[in-house]
């Protein structure tokens, strides 16, 4: 009796023989790659629908896609209208950069006398 060869849903590699019946991907990389691909399709569809509704309502300006100042990714429409960053990770990174600049500006410069030069 021959068994059907099961393949990864993303890269089509052969799954290991000891893989459970619910396993669909060869590793976490393929699983996350597939998830991101599906999410991207959903976001594109939802943005298109929302922008179509706004065009019909006459308010196109409200849905101009924003860009995250840290990484440059788009800030999706699923977020609040006043959101600036694409993720909590970028928000934290921006906060740390601001804190580092603030700390550097608060430090006093070493005092030098005119004769030290």
N, C-alpha and C. Protein backbone atom coordinates (compact mmCIF):
# COMPACT_ATOMS: atom_id res chain seq x y z
N UNK A 1 0.84 -1.17 0.00
CA UNK A 1 0.00 0.00 0.00
C UNK A 1 0.90 1.24 0.00
N UNK A 2 0.66 2.13 -0.93
CA UNK A 2 1.47 3.35 -1.01
C UNK A 2 0.74 4.49 -0.33
N UNK A 3 1.51 5.29 0.38
CA UNK A 3 0.90 6.44 1.04
C UNK A 3 1.12 7.69 0.19
N UNK A 4 0.20 8.60 0.29
CA UNK A 4 0.28 9.84 -0.46
C UNK A 4 1.39 10.72 0.14
N UNK A 5 2.23 11.27 -0.70
CA UNK A 5 3.31 12.14 -0.24
C UNK A 5 2.72 13.50 0.09
N UNK A 6 2.92 13.92 1.33
CA UNK A 6 2.39 15.22 1.77
C UNK A 6 3.45 16.28 1.57
N UNK A 7 3.01 17.45 1.11
CA UNK A 7 3.94 18.54 0.80
C UNK A 7 3.58 19.80 1.58
N UNK A 8 4.59 20.64 1.77
CA UNK A 8 4.43 21.92 2.46
C UNK A 8 3.48 22.81 1.65
N UNK A 9 2.59 23.51 2.34
CA UNK A 9 1.63 24.37 1.68
C UNK A 9 2.23 25.64 1.11
N UNK A 10 3.48 25.93 1.44
CA UNK A 10 4.12 27.16 0.96
C UNK A 10 5.20 26.86 -0.08
N UNK A 11 6.18 26.06 0.29
CA UNK A 11 7.33 25.83 -0.61
C UNK A 11 7.24 24.49 -1.36
N UNK A 12 6.24 23.69 -1.07
CA UNK A 12 5.99 22.40 -1.72
C UNK A 12 7.06 21.35 -1.43
N UNK A 13 7.85 21.53 -0.39
CA UNK A 13 8.83 20.52 0.02
C UNK A 13 8.08 19.35 0.66
N UNK A 14 8.67 18.18 0.62
CA UNK A 14 8.05 16.99 1.20
C UNK A 14 8.09 17.10 2.72
N UNK A 15 6.95 16.87 3.36
CA UNK A 15 6.89 16.91 4.82
C UNK A 15 7.52 15.64 5.39
N UNK A 16 8.09 15.70 6.58
CA UNK A 16 8.68 14.50 7.18
C UNK A 16 7.62 13.41 7.40
N UNK A 17 8.06 12.16 7.40
CA UNK A 17 7.11 11.06 7.57
C UNK A 17 6.48 11.05 8.96
N UNK A 18 7.19 11.58 9.96
CA UNK A 18 6.65 11.58 11.31
C UNK A 18 5.79 12.82 11.60
N UNK A 19 5.49 13.61 10.58
CA UNK A 19 4.66 14.81 10.77
C UNK A 19 3.24 14.40 11.13
N UNK A 20 2.65 15.15 12.04
CA UNK A 20 1.28 14.87 12.47
C UNK A 20 0.28 15.11 11.36
N UNK A 21 -0.95 14.64 11.55
CA UNK A 21 -1.96 14.76 10.49
C UNK A 21 -2.38 16.21 10.22
N UNK A 22 -2.19 17.11 11.17
CA UNK A 22 -2.60 18.50 10.98
C UNK A 22 -1.49 19.40 10.45
N UNK A 23 -0.31 18.88 10.33
CA UNK A 23 0.82 19.70 9.89
C UNK A 23 0.69 20.04 8.41
N UNK A 24 0.84 21.32 8.08
CA UNK A 24 0.69 21.76 6.70
C UNK A 24 1.96 22.38 6.12
N UNK A 25 2.87 22.80 7.00
CA UNK A 25 4.07 23.51 6.55
C UNK A 25 5.31 22.82 7.09
N UNK A 26 6.43 22.95 6.36
CA UNK A 26 7.64 22.24 6.74
C UNK A 26 8.30 22.86 7.97
N UNK A 27 8.18 24.17 8.17
CA UNK A 27 8.78 24.81 9.34
C UNK A 27 8.07 26.13 9.63
N UNK A 28 8.54 26.80 10.67
CA UNK A 28 7.90 28.06 11.10
C UNK A 28 8.07 29.16 10.05
N UNK A 29 9.14 29.12 9.30
CA UNK A 29 9.36 30.14 8.27
C UNK A 29 8.27 30.07 7.21
N UNK A 30 7.98 28.87 6.73
CA UNK A 30 6.93 28.72 5.71
C UNK A 30 5.56 29.06 6.28
N UNK A 31 5.32 28.69 7.53
CA UNK A 31 4.03 28.99 8.15
C UNK A 31 3.83 30.50 8.26
N UNK A 32 4.85 31.23 8.70
CA UNK A 32 4.71 32.68 8.85
C UNK A 32 4.67 33.36 7.48
N UNK A 33 5.40 32.85 6.51
CA UNK A 33 5.37 33.42 5.16
C UNK A 33 3.97 33.30 4.57
N UNK A 34 3.34 32.14 4.75
CA UNK A 34 1.98 31.95 4.25
C UNK A 34 1.00 32.88 4.98
N UNK A 35 1.15 33.02 6.29
CA UNK A 35 0.26 33.88 7.06
C UNK A 35 0.37 35.33 6.59
N UNK A 36 1.62 35.80 6.38
CA UNK A 36 1.80 37.18 5.91
C UNK A 36 1.19 37.38 4.53
N UNK A 37 1.31 36.39 3.67
CA UNK A 37 0.74 36.48 2.33
C UNK A 37 -0.78 36.60 2.40
N UNK A 38 -1.40 35.79 3.25
CA UNK A 38 -2.86 35.85 3.41
C UNK A 38 -3.27 37.19 4.01
N UNK A 39 -2.55 37.66 5.02
CA UNK A 39 -2.88 38.94 5.64
C UNK A 39 -2.75 40.08 4.64
N UNK A 40 -1.73 40.04 3.80
CA UNK A 40 -1.53 41.09 2.80
C UNK A 40 -2.71 41.13 1.84
N UNK A 41 -3.18 39.95 1.41
CA UNK A 41 -4.34 39.90 0.52
C UNK A 41 -5.57 40.48 1.19
N UNK A 42 -5.78 40.12 2.47
CA UNK A 42 -6.93 40.65 3.20
C UNK A 42 -6.84 42.16 3.32
N UNK A 43 -5.66 42.68 3.66
CA UNK A 43 -5.50 44.13 3.80
C UNK A 43 -5.76 44.85 2.49
N UNK A 44 -5.25 44.31 1.39
CA UNK A 44 -5.47 44.94 0.09
C UNK A 44 -6.95 44.96 -0.23
N UNK A 45 -7.64 43.85 0.00
CA UNK A 45 -9.07 43.78 -0.29
C UNK A 45 -9.84 44.76 0.59
N UNK A 46 -9.56 44.76 1.89
CA UNK A 46 -10.28 45.66 2.80
C UNK A 46 -10.01 47.12 2.47
N UNK A 47 -8.76 47.45 2.12
CA UNK A 47 -8.44 48.83 1.76
C UNK A 47 -9.20 49.23 0.50
N UNK A 48 -9.24 48.32 -0.47
CA UNK A 48 -9.94 48.63 -1.72
C UNK A 48 -11.43 48.86 -1.47
N UNK A 49 -12.03 48.01 -0.65
CA UNK A 49 -13.45 48.17 -0.34
C UNK A 49 -13.68 49.48 0.39
N UNK A 50 -12.86 49.77 1.40
CA UNK A 50 -13.03 50.99 2.18
C UNK A 50 -12.81 52.23 1.33
N UNK A 51 -11.81 52.21 0.47
CA UNK A 51 -11.57 53.36 -0.39
C UNK A 51 -12.69 53.53 -1.40
N UNK A 52 -13.25 52.41 -1.88
CA UNK A 52 -14.39 52.50 -2.78
C UNK A 52 -15.58 53.14 -2.11
N UNK A 53 -15.83 52.77 -0.86
CA UNK A 53 -16.93 53.37 -0.10
C UNK A 53 -16.67 54.86 0.09
N UNK A 54 -15.43 55.22 0.42
CA UNK A 54 -15.10 56.63 0.62
C UNK A 54 -15.22 57.43 -0.66
N UNK A 55 -14.84 56.84 -1.78
CA UNK A 55 -14.97 57.55 -3.06
C UNK A 55 -16.44 57.82 -3.34
N UNK A 56 -17.29 56.82 -3.09
CA UNK A 56 -18.73 57.02 -3.29
C UNK A 56 -19.28 58.08 -2.35
N UNK A 57 -18.73 58.14 -1.13
CA UNK A 57 -19.20 59.13 -0.15
C UNK A 57 -18.54 60.49 -0.37
N UNK A 58 -17.48 60.55 -1.18
CA UNK A 58 -16.84 61.82 -1.48
C UNK A 58 -15.74 62.22 -0.52
N UNK A 59 -15.26 61.32 0.32
CA UNK A 59 -14.24 61.68 1.30
C UNK A 59 -12.96 60.90 1.12
N UNK A 60 -12.31 61.02 -0.02
CA UNK A 60 -11.11 60.24 -0.31
C UNK A 60 -9.94 60.64 0.57
N UNK A 61 -9.86 61.90 0.98
CA UNK A 61 -8.70 62.41 1.71
C UNK A 61 -8.47 61.71 3.04
N UNK A 62 -9.52 61.20 3.66
CA UNK A 62 -9.36 60.60 4.99
C UNK A 62 -8.61 59.28 4.96
N UNK A 63 -8.58 58.62 3.83
CA UNK A 63 -7.95 57.30 3.78
C UNK A 63 -6.66 57.29 2.98
N UNK A 64 -5.91 58.36 3.05
CA UNK A 64 -4.59 58.36 2.45
C UNK A 64 -3.71 57.46 3.31
N UNK A 65 -3.02 56.56 2.67
CA UNK A 65 -2.23 55.57 3.41
C UNK A 65 -1.00 56.23 4.01
N UNK A 66 -0.81 56.06 5.32
CA UNK A 66 0.34 56.63 6.01
C UNK A 66 1.52 55.68 6.00
N UNK A 67 2.68 56.21 6.29
CA UNK A 67 3.91 55.42 6.36
C UNK A 67 4.50 55.54 7.75
N UNK A 68 5.00 54.43 8.25
CA UNK A 68 5.65 54.40 9.56
C UNK A 68 6.98 55.16 9.45
N UNK A 69 7.25 56.13 10.35
CA UNK A 69 8.49 56.89 10.26
C UNK A 69 9.73 56.08 10.63
N UNK A 70 9.56 54.92 11.27
CA UNK A 70 10.71 54.11 11.69
C UNK A 70 11.14 53.14 10.59
N UNK A 71 10.20 52.36 10.07
CA UNK A 71 10.58 51.31 9.11
C UNK A 71 10.08 51.57 7.69
N UNK A 72 9.15 52.50 7.51
CA UNK A 72 8.66 52.82 6.18
C UNK A 72 7.49 51.98 5.71
N UNK A 73 7.05 51.00 6.50
CA UNK A 73 5.90 50.18 6.12
C UNK A 73 4.64 51.02 6.19
N UNK A 74 3.61 50.56 5.51
CA UNK A 74 2.35 51.30 5.53
C UNK A 74 1.63 51.07 6.85
N UNK A 75 0.99 52.10 7.33
CA UNK A 75 0.16 52.00 8.53
C UNK A 75 -1.24 51.65 8.03
N UNK A 76 -1.70 50.45 8.34
CA UNK A 76 -2.92 49.94 7.72
C UNK A 76 -4.17 50.63 8.24
N UNK A 77 -5.25 50.41 7.51
CA UNK A 77 -6.53 51.00 7.88
C UNK A 77 -7.16 50.31 9.07
N UNK A 78 -6.63 49.15 9.47
CA UNK A 78 -7.18 48.46 10.64
C UNK A 78 -6.84 49.21 11.92
N UNK A 79 -5.82 50.04 11.85
CA UNK A 79 -5.39 50.77 13.03
C UNK A 79 -6.27 52.01 13.21
N UNK A 80 -6.05 52.68 14.32
CA UNK A 80 -6.78 53.93 14.56
C UNK A 80 -6.40 54.95 13.49
N UNK A 81 -7.26 55.89 13.27
CA UNK A 81 -6.99 56.90 12.25
C UNK A 81 -5.79 57.76 12.61
N UNK A 82 -5.55 57.96 13.90
CA UNK A 82 -4.44 58.82 14.31
C UNK A 82 -3.17 58.03 14.62
N UNK A 83 -3.11 56.75 14.23
CA UNK A 83 -1.92 55.96 14.52
C UNK A 83 -0.75 56.44 13.65
N UNK A 84 0.43 56.41 14.22
CA UNK A 84 1.62 56.89 13.54
C UNK A 84 2.53 55.74 13.14
N UNK A 85 2.65 54.73 14.01
CA UNK A 85 3.57 53.62 13.79
C UNK A 85 2.81 52.38 13.35
N UNK A 86 3.50 51.51 12.61
CA UNK A 86 2.86 50.30 12.09
C UNK A 86 2.72 49.21 13.13
N UNK A 87 3.54 49.23 14.19
CA UNK A 87 3.50 48.16 15.18
C UNK A 87 4.02 48.68 16.52
N UNK A 88 3.73 47.95 17.59
CA UNK A 88 4.29 48.32 18.89
C UNK A 88 5.82 48.29 18.89
N UNK A 89 6.40 47.42 18.10
CA UNK A 89 7.86 47.34 18.02
C UNK A 89 8.45 48.65 17.49
N UNK A 90 7.86 49.21 16.43
CA UNK A 90 8.35 50.47 15.88
C UNK A 90 8.10 51.62 16.85
N UNK A 91 6.97 51.59 17.53
CA UNK A 91 6.67 52.64 18.51
C UNK A 91 7.72 52.63 19.62
N UNK A 92 8.08 51.44 20.10
CA UNK A 92 9.09 51.32 21.15
C UNK A 92 10.46 51.76 20.64
N UNK A 93 10.79 51.37 19.42
CA UNK A 93 12.08 51.76 18.85
C UNK A 93 12.19 53.29 18.73
N UNK A 94 11.11 53.94 18.29
CA UNK A 94 11.12 55.41 18.19
C UNK A 94 11.25 56.04 19.57
N UNK A 95 10.57 55.48 20.55
CA UNK A 95 10.66 56.00 21.92
C UNK A 95 12.08 55.89 22.44
N UNK A 96 12.73 54.75 22.18
CA UNK A 96 14.11 54.56 22.65
C UNK A 96 15.07 55.52 21.95
N UNK A 97 14.84 55.76 20.67
CA UNK A 97 15.69 56.72 19.96
C UNK A 97 15.51 58.12 20.53
N UNK A 98 14.26 58.50 20.79
CA UNK A 98 14.02 59.82 21.38
C UNK A 98 14.64 59.92 22.76
N UNK A 99 14.52 58.86 23.56
CA UNK A 99 15.09 58.87 24.91
C UNK A 99 16.61 58.97 24.84
N UNK A 100 17.23 58.30 23.90
CA UNK A 100 18.68 58.37 23.74
C UNK A 100 19.14 59.76 23.35
N UNK A 101 18.39 60.41 22.46
CA UNK A 101 18.74 61.78 22.08
C UNK A 101 18.55 62.73 23.25
N UNK A 102 17.49 62.51 24.01
CA UNK A 102 17.21 63.36 25.16
C UNK A 102 18.32 63.21 26.20
N UNK A 103 18.73 61.97 26.46
CA UNK A 103 19.80 61.72 27.43
C UNK A 103 21.11 62.36 26.98
N UNK A 104 21.39 62.27 25.69
CA UNK A 104 22.63 62.84 25.17
C UNK A 104 22.63 64.36 25.28
N UNK A 105 21.48 64.98 25.09
CA UNK A 105 21.44 66.45 25.17
C UNK A 105 21.50 66.93 26.61
N UNK A 106 21.11 66.09 27.56
CA UNK A 106 21.15 66.49 28.97
C UNK A 106 22.53 66.32 29.58
N UNK A 107 23.38 65.51 28.97
CA UNK A 107 24.73 65.33 29.50
C UNK A 107 25.53 66.60 29.31
N UNK A 108 26.33 66.90 30.29
CA UNK A 108 27.17 68.10 30.17
C UNK A 108 28.44 67.74 29.42
N UNK A 109 28.92 68.69 28.66
CA UNK A 109 30.17 68.48 27.93
C UNK A 109 31.33 68.58 28.90
N UNK A 110 32.40 67.85 28.67
CA UNK A 110 33.56 67.96 29.57
C UNK A 110 34.14 69.37 29.48
N UNK A 111 34.45 69.89 30.63
CA UNK A 111 34.98 71.25 30.68
C UNK A 111 36.45 71.22 30.27
N UNK A 112 36.78 72.11 29.37
CA UNK A 112 38.18 72.22 28.93
C UNK A 112 38.63 73.65 29.17
N UNK A 113 39.85 73.79 29.56
CA UNK A 113 40.40 75.13 29.76
C UNK A 113 41.14 75.54 28.49
N UNK A 114 41.29 76.83 28.25
CA UNK A 114 41.94 77.29 27.01
C UNK A 114 43.37 76.78 26.87
N UNK A 115 44.05 76.46 27.95
CA UNK A 115 45.44 76.01 27.87
C UNK A 115 45.58 74.53 27.55
N UNK A 116 44.46 73.74 27.54
CA UNK A 116 44.53 72.30 27.29
C UNK A 116 44.77 71.97 25.83
N UNK A 117 44.48 72.87 24.94
CA UNK A 117 44.56 72.59 23.51
C UNK A 117 45.92 72.54 23.02
